[in-house]
Amino acid sequence: MKRSARPVSWLTAGEEFPALNQAWSADDAAPGLLAAGGALDVNSLVRAYSAGIFPWFSLGQPILWWSPDPRMVLLTAEFKLHRSLKKSLQRFLKSPTCSVTFDTAFDQVIAACANAPRDGQSGTWIVPDMIAAYSQLHQAGHAHSIETWVNGELIGGLYCVNLGGMVFGESMFARQTDASKIALSALVAFCKAKDIRMIDCQQNTQHLSSFGAREISRESFVAHVSQQSSRVNPEWVFEAHHWNEIMSTQTEPLL
């Protein structure tokens, strides 16, 4: 049985985050909740992600900060490129009307993610304040978009946060079959080419599990983030040869 809500730390703008062991546990009403309040400026977001913390809240709520234990991650070496997706990707790459780009339509991607329907959800956590905050983070060079195009039309994509050798996945959308999966495949290929070994997935979902994502302890996650986030950010340019990082590996059957 979940315990009733207990007090949560309230932050002022610029205040340090509480220790991660203050986050609500699996027995609490909102596992992983660490703090509320504060600000969504670039400095606060960089400090949060560097410490294994991320914001997540709905319209009408205060800013809520989370650090769940365990943490869902995708180790790029464990990425499962299913046979059906590999065939779809091969067709995509052969077509002169299809392409994948990085950082050419960040505002369009985050807006599409905010408006994408989610199973079991009537609203979105990508509220206007979050869109504004991550647009600023993008301008600062820490938030990036991956876009999937067909005939000049944006059909899918995702956005993420990058600190050194660490990537934090945020949200995806698709307007055609496999469009977001192709964007994810491109992100994994890029990360492998840049020796980025982990992509944070935040929450456990069956969809992410099907690609090889799994849970690790918060302690292990934070240790990896601490080690990797101090690296120099890679240049976010996707090149055709990056596909070799995943296309040449053994594929997994569709679960």
Protein backbone atom coordinates (compact mmCIF):
# COMPACT_ATOMS: atom_id res chain seq x y z
CA MET A 1 0.00 0.00 0.00
CA LYS A 2 1.26 3.48 -0.92
CA ARG A 3 1.81 5.84 1.97
CA SER A 4 -0.11 9.10 2.03
CA ALA A 5 1.67 12.19 0.75
CA ARG A 6 4.46 13.46 3.01
CA PRO A 7 6.14 16.87 2.97
CA VAL A 8 8.31 17.71 -0.02
CA SER A 9 11.17 20.20 -0.16
CA TRP A 10 10.19 23.56 -1.67
CA LEU A 11 12.90 25.40 -3.56
CA THR A 12 13.49 29.05 -4.30
CA ALA A 13 15.03 30.02 -7.65
CA GLY A 14 18.69 29.03 -7.70
CA GLU A 15 18.53 27.01 -4.47
CA GLU A 16 20.50 23.78 -4.30
CA PHE A 17 18.58 20.54 -4.76
CA PRO A 18 18.11 18.26 -1.76
CA ALA A 19 20.19 15.10 -1.41
CA LEU A 20 18.81 12.35 -3.64
CA ASN A 21 18.09 10.12 -0.66
CA GLN A 22 15.34 12.61 0.20
CA ALA A 23 13.35 11.53 -2.87
CA TRP A 24 10.13 9.67 -2.17
CA SER A 25 10.51 5.90 -2.20
CA ALA A 26 8.48 3.14 -3.83
CA ASP A 27 6.25 3.08 -0.73
CA ASP A 28 5.27 6.73 -1.12
CA ALA A 29 2.44 8.23 -3.15
CA ALA A 30 4.77 9.58 -5.86
CA PRO A 31 7.96 7.48 -6.05
CA GLY A 32 10.98 9.52 -7.12
CA LEU A 33 9.57 12.95 -6.23
CA LEU A 34 12.41 15.01 -4.79
CA ALA A 35 11.39 18.67 -4.65
CA ALA A 36 9.01 21.34 -5.93
CA GLY A 37 9.42 24.96 -6.95
CA GLY A 38 12.64 26.57 -8.09
CA ALA A 39 13.12 27.69 -11.67
CA LEU A 40 13.51 26.26 -15.17
CA ASP A 41 16.39 28.48 -16.28
CA VAL A 42 19.35 26.96 -18.12
CA ASN A 43 21.59 26.89 -15.05
CA SER A 44 18.96 25.10 -12.93
CA LEU A 45 18.32 22.51 -15.64
CA VAL A 46 22.03 21.81 -16.15
CA ARG A 47 22.52 21.43 -12.38
CA ALA A 48 19.53 19.13 -12.19
CA TYR A 49 20.55 16.82 -15.03
CA SER A 50 24.14 16.74 -13.78
CA ALA A 51 22.82 15.41 -10.47
CA GLY A 52 20.44 12.83 -11.96
CA ILE A 53 17.32 14.99 -11.52
CA PHE A 54 14.71 16.02 -14.09
CA PRO A 55 11.55 18.19 -14.09
CA TRP A 56 8.15 16.68 -14.81
CA PHE A 57 4.80 18.29 -14.04
CA SER A 58 1.40 19.02 -15.55
CA LEU A 59 -0.41 22.24 -16.33
CA GLY A 60 -1.53 23.93 -13.12
CA GLN A 61 1.11 22.21 -10.98
CA PRO A 62 4.29 23.76 -9.59
CA ILE A 63 7.63 22.67 -11.04
CA LEU A 64 8.24 19.14 -9.74
CA TRP A 65 11.71 17.58 -9.67
CA TRP A 66 12.26 13.82 -9.79
CA SER A 67 15.02 11.29 -9.22
CA PRO A 68 13.52 7.77 -9.32
CA ASP A 69 15.23 4.67 -8.04
CA PRO A 70 15.71 2.48 -10.02
CA ARG A 71 16.34 4.46 -13.19
CA MET A 72 15.42 3.30 -16.70
CA VAL A 73 18.33 3.58 -19.13
CA LEU A 74 19.29 2.36 -22.58
CA LEU A 75 22.88 1.21 -22.81
CA THR A 76 23.77 1.86 -26.43
CA ALA A 77 25.70 -1.42 -26.67
CA GLU A 78 22.46 -3.24 -25.76
CA PHE A 79 20.21 -1.50 -28.30
CA LYS A 80 17.94 -4.00 -30.06
CA LEU A 81 17.37 -3.21 -33.72
CA HIS A 82 14.45 -5.50 -34.49
CA ARG A 83 14.35 -7.17 -37.89
CA SER A 84 11.16 -5.38 -38.91
CA LEU A 85 12.61 -1.99 -37.98
CA LYS A 86 15.89 -2.77 -39.75
CA LYS A 87 13.96 -3.53 -42.95
CA SER A 88 11.99 -0.33 -42.58
CA LEU A 89 15.20 1.60 -41.96
CA GLN A 90 16.88 0.06 -45.00
CA ARG A 91 13.95 1.14 -47.20
CA PHE A 92 14.08 4.59 -45.64
CA LEU A 93 17.80 5.01 -46.30
CA LYS A 94 17.47 3.91 -49.92
CA SER A 95 14.83 6.53 -50.72
CA PRO A 96 16.09 9.93 -51.95
CA THR A 97 12.98 11.54 -50.47
CA CYS A 98 13.76 10.39 -46.90
CA SER A 99 16.29 11.85 -44.49
CA VAL A 100 17.26 12.26 -40.85
CA THR A 101 18.61 15.55 -39.54
CA PHE A 102 19.79 16.94 -36.21
CA ASP A 103 18.82 20.33 -34.80
CA THR A 104 17.08 21.71 -37.87
CA ALA A 105 13.56 21.93 -36.40
CA PHE A 106 13.80 21.87 -32.61
CA ASP A 107 10.75 24.06 -32.03
CA GLN A 108 8.63 21.93 -34.37
CA VAL A 109 9.76 18.71 -32.71
CA ILE A 110 9.07 19.75 -29.13
CA ALA A 111 5.69 21.19 -30.15
CA ALA A 112 4.81 17.92 -31.91
CA CYS A 113 5.89 15.91 -28.84
CA ALA A 114 3.66 18.12 -26.66
CA ASN A 115 0.66 17.46 -28.91
CA ALA A 116 1.24 13.75 -29.48
CA PRO A 117 -1.50 11.50 -28.02
CA ARG A 118 -0.32 9.20 -25.22
CA ASP A 119 -1.99 5.98 -24.16
CA GLY A 120 -3.70 6.48 -20.82
CA GLN A 121 -2.96 10.22 -20.72
CA SER A 122 -5.41 13.04 -21.38
CA GLY A 123 -2.85 15.85 -21.20
CA THR A 124 0.87 16.50 -21.51
CA TRP A 125 3.76 17.29 -19.22
CA ILE A 126 5.37 19.33 -22.02
CA VAL A 127 3.54 22.46 -20.91
CA PRO A 128 4.33 25.95 -22.29
CA ASP A 129 6.84 26.67 -19.50
CA MET A 130 8.70 23.47 -20.35
CA ILE A 131 8.71 24.28 -24.06
CA ALA A 132 10.16 27.72 -23.34
CA ALA A 133 12.76 26.28 -20.95
CA TYR A 134 14.01 23.58 -23.30
CA SER A 135 14.09 26.01 -26.21
CA GLN A 136 16.48 28.10 -24.13
CA LEU A 137 18.45 24.97 -23.28
CA HIS A 138 18.63 24.23 -27.00
CA GLN A 139 19.95 27.72 -27.71
CA ALA A 140 22.57 27.13 -25.01
CA GLY A 141 23.72 23.97 -26.83
CA HIS A 142 22.43 21.38 -24.37
CA ALA A 143 19.10 20.31 -25.90
CA HIS A 144 18.89 18.70 -29.33
CA SER A 145 16.32 17.39 -31.77
CA ILE A 146 16.45 14.50 -34.20
CA GLU A 147 14.08 14.86 -37.15
CA THR A 148 12.71 12.28 -39.59
CA TRP A 149 11.62 13.67 -42.98
CA VAL A 150 9.77 12.33 -46.03
CA ASN A 151 9.32 14.58 -49.07
CA GLY A 152 10.24 17.59 -46.97
CA GLU A 153 7.56 16.81 -44.38
CA LEU A 154 8.43 16.28 -40.72
CA ILE A 155 6.94 12.88 -39.90
CA GLY A 156 8.64 12.05 -36.60
CA GLY A 157 11.41 12.82 -34.20
CA LEU A 158 12.58 13.22 -30.65
CA TYR A 159 14.39 15.67 -28.42
CA CYS A 160 16.98 15.07 -25.74
CA VAL A 161 19.47 16.75 -23.43
CA ASN A 162 23.24 16.34 -23.72
CA LEU A 163 25.86 17.00 -21.08
CA GLY A 164 29.30 15.84 -22.17
CA GLY A 165 29.20 12.08 -22.66
CA MET A 166 25.68 11.67 -21.31
CA VAL A 167 22.37 11.88 -23.20
CA PHE A 168 18.99 12.20 -21.50
CA GLY A 169 16.02 11.22 -23.67
CA GLU A 170 12.92 13.37 -23.28
CA SER A 171 10.08 12.63 -25.72
CA MET A 172 9.29 11.25 -29.17
CA PHE A 173 6.49 11.61 -31.70
CA ALA A 174 5.49 9.89 -34.94
CA ARG A 175 3.08 10.82 -37.69
CA GLN A 176 3.92 7.76 -39.78
CA THR A 177 4.79 4.18 -38.84
CA ASP A 178 8.34 3.79 -37.47
CA ALA A 179 9.14 7.52 -37.81
CA SER A 180 10.09 7.99 -34.15
CA LYS A 181 11.84 4.61 -34.07
CA ILE A 182 14.04 5.70 -36.95
CA ALA A 183 14.90 8.89 -35.04
CA LEU A 184 15.77 6.80 -31.97
CA SER A 185 17.92 4.51 -34.11
CA ALA A 186 19.78 7.55 -35.44
CA LEU A 187 20.36 8.82 -31.90
CA VAL A 188 21.76 5.46 -30.80
CA ALA A 189 24.01 5.26 -33.89
CA PHE A 190 25.28 8.77 -33.21
CA CYS A 191 25.89 8.02 -29.53
CA LYS A 192 27.83 4.87 -30.33
CA ALA A 193 29.97 6.79 -32.81
CA LYS A 194 30.71 9.39 -30.12
CA ASP A 195 31.38 6.82 -27.37
CA ILE A 196 28.24 7.82 -25.46
CA ARG A 197 27.33 4.61 -23.69
CA MET A 198 24.08 5.45 -21.93
CA ILE A 199 20.81 7.21 -22.79
CA ASP A 200 18.60 8.08 -19.84
CA CYS A 201 14.99 6.98 -20.34
CA GLN A 202 13.71 8.22 -16.95
CA GLN A 203 10.63 6.00 -16.62
CA ASN A 204 10.13 2.28 -17.22
CA THR A 205 7.90 1.56 -20.22
CA GLN A 206 7.33 -1.63 -22.20
CA HIS A 207 8.05 0.29 -25.41
CA LEU A 208 11.54 1.25 -24.27
CA SER A 209 12.16 -2.21 -22.84
CA SER A 210 11.56 -3.67 -26.29
CA PHE A 211 14.60 -1.73 -27.53
CA GLY A 212 16.83 -3.08 -24.77
CA ALA A 213 16.33 -0.43 -22.09
CA ARG A 214 16.46 -1.66 -18.50
CA GLU A 215 16.52 -0.43 -14.96
CA ILE A 216 19.68 0.23 -12.95
CA SER A 217 20.08 1.59 -9.45
CA ARG A 218 20.01 5.34 -8.94
CA GLU A 219 23.45 5.06 -7.36
CA SER A 220 24.92 3.49 -10.50
CA PHE A 221 23.12 5.96 -12.73
CA VAL A 222 24.32 9.02 -10.82
CA ALA A 223 27.89 7.69 -10.72
CA HIS A 224 27.85 7.30 -14.51
CA VAL A 225 26.36 10.78 -15.03
CA SER A 226 28.98 12.30 -12.72
CA GLN A 227 31.78 10.63 -14.64
CA GLN A 228 30.50 11.37 -18.13
CA SER A 229 28.87 14.80 -17.89
CA SER A 230 32.21 16.57 -17.47
CA ARG A 231 33.32 15.52 -20.95
CA VAL A 232 33.25 18.00 -23.82
CA ASN A 233 29.92 17.98 -25.67
CA PRO A 234 30.16 16.31 -29.08
CA GLU A 235 29.31 18.22 -32.23
CA TRP A 236 25.71 17.33 -33.00
CA VAL A 237 26.03 16.58 -36.70
CA PHE A 238 24.71 13.29 -38.05
CA GLU A 239 26.72 11.71 -40.86
CA ALA A 240 25.72 8.81 -43.10
CA HIS A 241 28.51 6.56 -41.85
CA HIS A 242 27.07 6.71 -38.33
CA TRP A 243 24.40 4.23 -39.46
CA ASN A 244 27.12 1.56 -39.61
CA GLU A 245 27.22 1.62 -35.80
CA ILE A 246 23.86 -0.18 -35.64
CA MET A 247 23.21 -1.58 -39.12
CA SER A 248 26.22 -3.90 -38.96
CA THR A 249 25.21 -5.40 -35.60
CA GLN A 250 23.08 -8.48 -35.07
CA THR A 251 19.40 -7.66 -34.91
CA GLU A 252 16.91 -9.01 -32.41
CA PRO A 253 13.51 -10.54 -33.20
CA LEU A 254 10.45 -8.40 -32.59
CA LEU A 255 9.14 -9.12 -29.09
